[in-house]
Amino acid sequence: MRVPPRRALLAAPAAVLMFSLVACGGSDSGSDGSKAADTQESAQSAGGAEDGGAAGDADDKTEPPLTGDTKQKAEAAALAKYPGTVVKSEEDAEKPGMYAVEVKQSDGTSIEVYLDKSFTVTDTKKEGTEETEDAG
């Protein structure tokens, strides 16, 4: 039986390694193409959202979340008047200079509590009850 030369024994694993790297590199370039397509699709979606926003609701404004001391004070003031669990707290884009804290109450309903900069409750809106309020 003939024994293969030492170089041949070393070349086989190197060839397998190179093949593996090329195969992985090929899928990686496909991934980049996919990422580019995703980015383009996202850009198109964002453009469509802007167009829809200009023609439709003004409610689609970005409302930055409250943080730090402001968040603690706004949530405490809202919970003092309307006990429950805070769902979110943010600056109100519809009413500049106001804060909005959404509270889920013990009966399962949610109420949006509006506060001014001195953390005084100025208004509320029951979430998801617009139709029933108009009907009753």
N, C-alpha and C. Protein backbone atom coordinates (compact mmCIF):
# COMPACT_ATOMS: atom_id res chain seq x y z
N MET A 1 0.83 -1.17 0.00
CA MET A 1 0.00 0.00 0.00
C MET A 1 0.88 1.23 0.00
N ARG A 2 0.45 2.20 -0.75
CA ARG A 2 1.24 3.41 -0.91
C ARG A 2 0.82 4.44 0.13
N VAL A 3 1.74 5.11 0.77
CA VAL A 3 1.49 6.13 1.78
C VAL A 3 1.52 7.50 1.08
N PRO A 4 0.43 8.32 1.28
CA PRO A 4 0.41 9.63 0.62
C PRO A 4 1.49 10.54 1.22
N PRO A 5 2.02 11.43 0.40
CA PRO A 5 3.03 12.35 0.92
C PRO A 5 2.44 13.27 2.00
N ARG A 6 3.31 13.75 2.84
CA ARG A 6 2.91 14.58 3.97
C ARG A 6 2.20 15.86 3.50
N ARG A 7 2.63 16.43 2.41
CA ARG A 7 2.00 17.65 1.88
C ARG A 7 0.54 17.38 1.53
N ALA A 8 0.23 16.25 0.99
CA ALA A 8 -1.14 15.93 0.62
C ALA A 8 -2.01 15.83 1.86
N LEU A 9 -1.47 15.28 2.94
CA LEU A 9 -2.22 15.17 4.19
C LEU A 9 -2.54 16.54 4.77
N LEU A 10 -1.62 17.49 4.62
CA LEU A 10 -1.84 18.84 5.13
C LEU A 10 -2.73 19.67 4.20
N ALA A 11 -2.70 19.36 2.93
CA ALA A 11 -3.48 20.13 1.96
C ALA A 11 -4.98 19.84 2.07
N ALA A 12 -5.35 18.63 2.39
CA ALA A 12 -6.77 18.27 2.46
C ALA A 12 -7.52 19.12 3.50
N PRO A 13 -7.06 19.20 4.76
CA PRO A 13 -7.78 20.05 5.72
C PRO A 13 -7.79 21.52 5.31
N ALA A 14 -6.72 21.98 4.69
CA ALA A 14 -6.66 23.37 4.24
C ALA A 14 -7.71 23.61 3.16
N ALA A 15 -7.85 22.65 2.26
CA ALA A 15 -8.85 22.79 1.20
C ALA A 15 -10.26 22.80 1.78
N VAL A 16 -10.52 21.95 2.76
CA VAL A 16 -11.84 21.92 3.41
C VAL A 16 -12.10 23.24 4.11
N LEU A 17 -11.09 23.77 4.80
CA LEU A 17 -11.23 25.05 5.50
C LEU A 17 -11.52 26.17 4.50
N MET A 18 -10.79 26.20 3.39
CA MET A 18 -11.01 27.24 2.38
C MET A 18 -12.42 27.14 1.80
N PHE A 19 -12.85 25.91 1.51
CA PHE A 19 -14.19 25.72 0.98
C PHE A 19 -15.24 26.23 1.97
N SER A 20 -15.04 25.94 3.25
CA SER A 20 -15.98 26.39 4.28
C SER A 20 -16.02 27.91 4.36
N LEU A 21 -14.86 28.53 4.31
CA LEU A 21 -14.81 29.99 4.38
C LEU A 21 -15.49 30.63 3.17
N VAL A 22 -15.28 30.06 2.00
CA VAL A 22 -15.91 30.60 0.80
C VAL A 22 -17.42 30.44 0.90
N ALA A 23 -17.85 29.27 1.38
CA ALA A 23 -19.29 29.03 1.51
C ALA A 23 -19.91 30.00 2.50
N CYS A 24 -19.25 30.23 3.60
CA CYS A 24 -19.77 31.19 4.59
C CYS A 24 -19.74 32.61 4.03
N GLY A 25 -18.69 32.93 3.32
CA GLY A 25 -18.58 34.26 2.72
C GLY A 25 -19.67 34.49 1.69
N GLY A 26 -20.04 33.45 0.97
CA GLY A 26 -21.10 33.57 -0.04
C GLY A 26 -22.43 33.89 0.60
N SER A 27 -22.75 33.23 1.73
CA SER A 27 -24.02 33.50 2.39
C SER A 27 -23.99 34.87 3.04
N ASP A 28 -22.81 35.31 3.45
CA ASP A 28 -22.68 36.62 4.07
C ASP A 28 -23.00 37.72 3.06
N SER A 29 -22.52 37.55 1.80
CA SER A 29 -22.81 38.58 0.80
C SER A 29 -24.29 38.59 0.47
N GLY A 30 -24.94 37.42 0.52
CA GLY A 30 -26.38 37.37 0.32
C GLY A 30 -27.10 38.09 1.44
N SER A 31 -26.55 37.97 2.64
CA SER A 31 -27.12 38.64 3.79
C SER A 31 -27.02 40.15 3.63
N ASP A 32 -25.87 40.62 3.12
CA ASP A 32 -25.71 42.05 2.90
C ASP A 32 -26.74 42.55 1.90
N GLY A 33 -26.97 41.76 0.86
CA GLY A 33 -27.98 42.14 -0.12
C GLY A 33 -29.36 42.20 0.52
N SER A 34 -29.61 41.24 1.41
CA SER A 34 -30.88 41.20 2.12
C SER A 34 -31.00 42.41 3.04
N LYS A 35 -29.91 42.74 3.71
CA LYS A 35 -29.93 43.92 4.59
C LYS A 35 -30.19 45.18 3.78
N ALA A 36 -29.56 45.26 2.61
CA ALA A 36 -29.78 46.42 1.75
C ALA A 36 -31.25 46.50 1.32
N ALA A 37 -31.82 45.34 1.00
CA ALA A 37 -33.23 45.31 0.61
C ALA A 37 -34.12 45.71 1.79
N ASP A 38 -33.77 45.21 2.99
CA ASP A 38 -34.54 45.58 4.18
C ASP A 38 -34.45 47.08 4.44
N THR A 39 -33.26 47.64 4.29
CA THR A 39 -33.07 49.07 4.50
C THR A 39 -33.89 49.87 3.49
N GLN A 40 -33.86 49.43 2.24
CA GLN A 40 -34.63 50.13 1.21
C GLN A 40 -36.12 50.02 1.51
N GLU A 41 -36.57 48.83 1.93
CA GLU A 41 -37.98 48.63 2.26
C GLU A 41 -38.39 49.50 3.44
N SER A 42 -37.50 49.60 4.44
CA SER A 42 -37.79 50.44 5.59
C SER A 42 -37.89 51.90 5.19
N ALA A 43 -37.01 52.32 4.30
CA ALA A 43 -37.05 53.71 3.84
C ALA A 43 -38.34 53.98 3.10
N GLN A 44 -38.77 53.03 2.27
CA GLN A 44 -40.02 53.21 1.55
C GLN A 44 -41.20 53.25 2.51
N SER A 45 -41.17 52.38 3.53
CA SER A 45 -42.25 52.37 4.52
C SER A 45 -42.29 53.68 5.27
N ALA A 46 -41.12 54.19 5.64
CA ALA A 46 -41.07 55.45 6.37
C ALA A 46 -41.60 56.58 5.49
N GLY A 47 -41.26 56.56 4.23
CA GLY A 47 -41.78 57.58 3.32
C GLY A 47 -43.28 57.50 3.22
N GLY A 48 -43.81 56.29 3.17
CA GLY A 48 -45.26 56.10 3.10
C GLY A 48 -45.93 56.58 4.37
N ALA A 49 -45.29 56.35 5.50
CA ALA A 49 -45.86 56.78 6.77
C ALA A 49 -45.90 58.31 6.84
N GLU A 50 -44.85 58.94 6.32
CA GLU A 50 -44.84 60.40 6.33
C GLU A 50 -45.95 60.94 5.44
N ASP A 51 -46.11 60.32 4.29
CA ASP A 51 -47.17 60.78 3.38
C ASP A 51 -48.53 60.61 4.03
N GLY A 52 -48.76 59.45 4.69
CA GLY A 52 -50.02 59.19 5.35
C GLY A 52 -50.24 60.16 6.51
N GLY A 53 -49.15 60.49 7.21
CA GLY A 53 -49.25 61.40 8.35
C GLY A 53 -49.64 62.80 7.89
N ALA A 54 -49.12 63.21 6.75
CA ALA A 54 -49.44 64.54 6.26
C ALA A 54 -50.91 64.63 5.84
N ALA A 55 -51.45 63.54 5.33
CA ALA A 55 -52.82 63.56 4.86
C ALA A 55 -53.82 63.13 5.93
N GLY A 56 -53.33 62.45 6.98
CA GLY A 56 -54.25 61.86 7.96
C GLY A 56 -54.09 62.40 9.36
N ASP A 57 -53.96 61.48 10.31
CA ASP A 57 -53.95 61.81 11.72
C ASP A 57 -52.76 62.66 12.14
N ALA A 58 -53.01 63.57 13.06
CA ALA A 58 -51.93 64.31 13.70
C ALA A 58 -51.50 63.57 14.96
N ASP A 59 -52.19 62.47 15.31
CA ASP A 59 -51.89 61.69 16.50
C ASP A 59 -50.61 60.89 16.35
N ASP A 60 -50.02 60.82 15.16
CA ASP A 60 -48.85 60.00 14.92
C ASP A 60 -47.55 60.71 15.29
N LYS A 61 -47.61 61.82 16.02
CA LYS A 61 -46.41 62.53 16.43
C LYS A 61 -45.66 61.71 17.46
N THR A 62 -44.35 61.80 17.43
CA THR A 62 -43.52 61.09 18.38
C THR A 62 -43.59 61.80 19.73
N GLU A 63 -43.90 61.03 20.75
CA GLU A 63 -43.99 61.59 22.09
C GLU A 63 -42.85 61.01 22.91
N PRO A 64 -41.85 61.84 23.28
CA PRO A 64 -40.72 61.31 24.03
C PRO A 64 -41.13 60.85 25.42
N PRO A 65 -40.62 59.71 25.86
CA PRO A 65 -40.96 59.22 27.20
C PRO A 65 -40.36 60.12 28.28
N LEU A 66 -41.07 60.20 29.40
CA LEU A 66 -40.55 60.96 30.54
C LEU A 66 -39.44 60.15 31.21
N THR A 67 -38.49 60.85 31.79
CA THR A 67 -37.38 60.19 32.48
C THR A 67 -37.08 60.91 33.78
N GLY A 68 -36.37 60.22 34.65
CA GLY A 68 -35.84 60.81 35.87
C GLY A 68 -36.89 61.36 36.82
N ASP A 69 -36.57 62.52 37.40
CA ASP A 69 -37.41 63.16 38.40
C ASP A 69 -38.77 63.56 37.82
N THR A 70 -38.78 64.03 36.58
CA THR A 70 -40.02 64.42 35.92
C THR A 70 -40.96 63.23 35.82
N LYS A 71 -40.42 62.08 35.43
CA LYS A 71 -41.22 60.87 35.31
C LYS A 71 -41.81 60.47 36.66
N GLN A 72 -40.99 60.47 37.70
CA GLN A 72 -41.45 60.09 39.04
C GLN A 72 -42.56 61.01 39.53
N LYS A 73 -42.38 62.31 39.37
CA LYS A 73 -43.38 63.27 39.85
C LYS A 73 -44.69 63.18 39.06
N ALA A 74 -44.58 63.07 37.74
CA ALA A 74 -45.79 62.99 36.91
C ALA A 74 -46.57 61.72 37.22
N GLU A 75 -45.88 60.59 37.34
CA GLU A 75 -46.56 59.33 37.65
C GLU A 75 -47.17 59.35 39.04
N ALA A 76 -46.48 59.92 40.02
CA ALA A 76 -47.02 60.01 41.38
C ALA A 76 -48.27 60.87 41.42
N ALA A 77 -48.27 61.99 40.70
CA ALA A 77 -49.44 62.87 40.67
C ALA A 77 -50.63 62.19 39.99
N ALA A 78 -50.37 61.48 38.91
CA ALA A 78 -51.45 60.78 38.20
C ALA A 78 -52.03 59.67 39.06
N LEU A 79 -51.16 58.89 39.71
CA LEU A 79 -51.62 57.79 40.56
C LEU A 79 -52.34 58.27 41.82
N ALA A 80 -52.00 59.47 42.30
CA ALA A 80 -52.68 60.02 43.47
C ALA A 80 -54.15 60.28 43.17
N LYS A 81 -54.45 60.72 41.95
CA LYS A 81 -55.84 60.99 41.55
C LYS A 81 -56.54 59.75 40.98
N TYR A 82 -55.78 58.91 40.27
CA TYR A 82 -56.35 57.74 39.59
C TYR A 82 -55.48 56.52 39.90
N PRO A 83 -55.76 55.83 41.01
CA PRO A 83 -54.93 54.68 41.41
C PRO A 83 -54.95 53.58 40.35
N GLY A 84 -53.83 52.91 40.22
CA GLY A 84 -53.69 51.81 39.28
C GLY A 84 -52.23 51.56 38.98
N THR A 85 -51.95 51.11 37.77
CA THR A 85 -50.60 50.81 37.34
C THR A 85 -50.26 51.67 36.14
N VAL A 86 -49.09 52.31 36.17
CA VAL A 86 -48.67 53.16 35.06
C VAL A 86 -48.29 52.27 33.88
N VAL A 87 -48.89 52.55 32.72
CA VAL A 87 -48.57 51.84 31.49
C VAL A 87 -47.45 52.57 30.77
N LYS A 88 -47.57 53.89 30.66
CA LYS A 88 -46.52 54.71 30.03
C LYS A 88 -46.67 56.15 30.49
N SER A 89 -45.59 56.88 30.40
CA SER A 89 -45.61 58.30 30.71
C SER A 89 -44.72 59.00 29.69
N GLU A 90 -45.24 60.10 29.13
CA GLU A 90 -44.54 60.77 28.05
C GLU A 90 -44.94 62.23 27.96
N GLU A 91 -44.16 62.98 27.19
CA GLU A 91 -44.54 64.36 26.89
C GLU A 91 -45.68 64.29 25.89
N ASP A 92 -46.63 65.20 26.00
CA ASP A 92 -47.80 65.17 25.12
C ASP A 92 -47.52 66.01 23.88
N ALA A 93 -47.46 65.36 22.72
CA ALA A 93 -47.18 66.05 21.46
C ALA A 93 -48.35 66.91 21.01
N GLU A 94 -49.57 66.51 21.37
CA GLU A 94 -50.75 67.27 20.97
C GLU A 94 -50.90 68.56 21.77
N LYS A 95 -50.42 68.52 23.00
CA LYS A 95 -50.52 69.69 23.89
C LYS A 95 -49.12 69.99 24.41
N PRO A 96 -48.33 70.77 23.66
CA PRO A 96 -46.96 71.07 24.09
C PRO A 96 -46.93 71.69 25.50
N GLY A 97 -45.95 71.26 26.26
CA GLY A 97 -45.82 71.75 27.63
C GLY A 97 -46.61 70.93 28.63
N MET A 98 -47.22 69.84 28.17
CA MET A 98 -48.02 68.98 29.05
C MET A 98 -47.40 67.59 29.09
N TYR A 99 -47.74 66.85 30.14
CA TYR A 99 -47.32 65.46 30.27
C TYR A 99 -48.56 64.58 30.18
N ALA A 100 -48.38 63.36 29.69
CA ALA A 100 -49.48 62.39 29.61
C ALA A 100 -49.01 61.10 30.29
N VAL A 101 -49.82 60.61 31.22
CA VAL A 101 -49.52 59.37 31.93
C VAL A 101 -50.71 58.44 31.72
N GLU A 102 -50.46 57.27 31.16
CA GLU A 102 -51.53 56.29 30.96
C GLU A 102 -51.53 55.36 32.16
N VAL A 103 -52.70 55.24 32.80
CA VAL A 103 -52.86 54.42 34.00
C VAL A 103 -53.88 53.33 33.73
N LYS A 104 -53.51 52.09 34.02
CA LYS A 104 -54.46 50.98 33.93
C LYS A 104 -55.07 50.82 35.32
N GLN A 105 -56.39 50.97 35.38
CA GLN A 105 -57.09 50.93 36.66
C GLN A 105 -57.45 49.50 37.04
N SER A 106 -57.88 49.31 38.29
CA SER A 106 -58.16 47.97 38.81
C SER A 106 -59.28 47.26 38.06
N ASP A 107 -60.20 48.03 37.43
CA ASP A 107 -61.28 47.40 36.67
C ASP A 107 -60.86 47.03 35.25
N GLY A 108 -59.59 47.25 34.92
CA GLY A 108 -59.06 46.87 33.61
C GLY A 108 -59.10 47.97 32.57
N THR A 109 -59.78 49.08 32.87
CA THR A 109 -59.82 50.19 31.91
C THR A 109 -58.55 51.02 32.03
N SER A 110 -58.24 51.73 30.97
CA SER A 110 -57.08 52.62 30.98
C SER A 110 -57.56 54.05 30.85
N ILE A 111 -56.86 54.93 31.53
CA ILE A 111 -57.19 56.34 31.47
C ILE A 111 -55.90 57.12 31.21
N GLU A 112 -55.99 58.09 30.30
CA GLU A 112 -54.86 58.97 30.02
C GLU A 112 -55.03 60.20 30.90
N VAL A 113 -54.04 60.46 31.74
CA VAL A 113 -54.09 61.59 32.68
C VAL A 113 -53.13 62.65 32.15
N TYR A 114 -53.65 63.88 31.94
CA TYR A 114 -52.83 64.97 31.43
C TYR A 114 -52.47 65.89 32.59
N LEU A 115 -51.17 66.25 32.64
CA LEU A 115 -50.67 67.11 33.71
C LEU A 115 -49.92 68.28 33.11
N ASP A 116 -49.95 69.42 33.81
CA ASP A 116 -49.16 70.56 33.36
C ASP A 116 -47.75 70.45 33.93
N LYS A 117 -46.91 71.44 33.67
CA LYS A 117 -45.51 71.39 34.11
C LYS A 117 -45.35 71.42 35.63
N SER A 118 -46.43 71.85 36.35
CA SER A 118 -46.36 71.83 37.82
C SER A 118 -46.96 70.55 38.38
N PHE A 119 -47.21 69.56 37.50
CA PHE A 119 -47.72 68.23 37.85
C PHE A 119 -49.13 68.28 38.43
N THR A 120 -49.93 69.23 37.94
CA THR A 120 -51.33 69.34 38.31
C THR A 120 -52.16 68.67 37.23
N VAL A 121 -53.09 67.79 37.62
CA VAL A 121 -53.95 67.11 36.64
C VAL A 121 -54.87 68.16 36.02
N THR A 122 -54.84 68.25 34.69
CA THR A 122 -55.66 69.24 33.98
C THR A 122 -56.77 68.61 33.15
N ASP A 123 -56.61 67.32 32.79
CA ASP A 123 -57.59 66.69 31.93
C ASP A 123 -57.37 65.18 31.97
N THR A 124 -58.37 64.42 31.53
CA THR A 124 -58.25 62.97 31.41
C THR A 124 -58.98 62.51 30.17
N LYS A 125 -58.65 61.31 29.72
CA LYS A 125 -59.35 60.70 28.60
C LYS A 125 -59.34 59.20 28.83
N LYS A 126 -60.54 58.61 28.88
CA LYS A 126 -60.63 57.14 29.02
C LYS A 126 -60.19 56.53 27.70
N GLU A 127 -59.29 55.57 27.77
CA GLU A 127 -58.78 54.91 26.57
C GLU A 127 -59.78 53.87 26.07
N GLY A 128 -60.06 53.88 24.76
CA GLY A 128 -60.91 52.88 24.13
C GLY A 128 -62.39 53.03 24.42
N THR A 129 -62.81 54.18 24.95
CA THR A 129 -64.23 54.35 25.27
C THR A 129 -64.85 55.50 24.48
N GLU A 130 -64.19 55.97 23.45
CA GLU A 130 -64.72 57.11 22.69
C GLU A 130 -66.11 56.81 22.13
N GLU A 131 -66.31 55.57 21.59
CA GLU A 131 -67.59 55.23 20.99
C GLU A 131 -68.69 55.14 22.05
N THR A 132 -68.39 54.52 23.20
CA THR A 132 -69.42 54.35 24.22
C THR A 132 -69.79 55.67 24.86
N GLU A 133 -68.86 56.60 24.99
CA GLU A 133 -69.18 57.90 25.55
C GLU A 133 -70.13 58.66 24.61
N ASP A 134 -69.88 58.58 23.31
CA ASP A 134 -70.74 59.28 22.35
C ASP A 134 -72.13 58.64 22.31
N ALA A 135 -72.21 57.31 22.48
CA ALA A 135 -73.50 56.62 22.42
C ALA A 135 -74.34 56.89 23.64
N GLY A 136 -73.71 57.15 24.78
CA GLY A 136 -74.46 57.31 26.03
C GLY A 136 -74.65 58.68 26.37
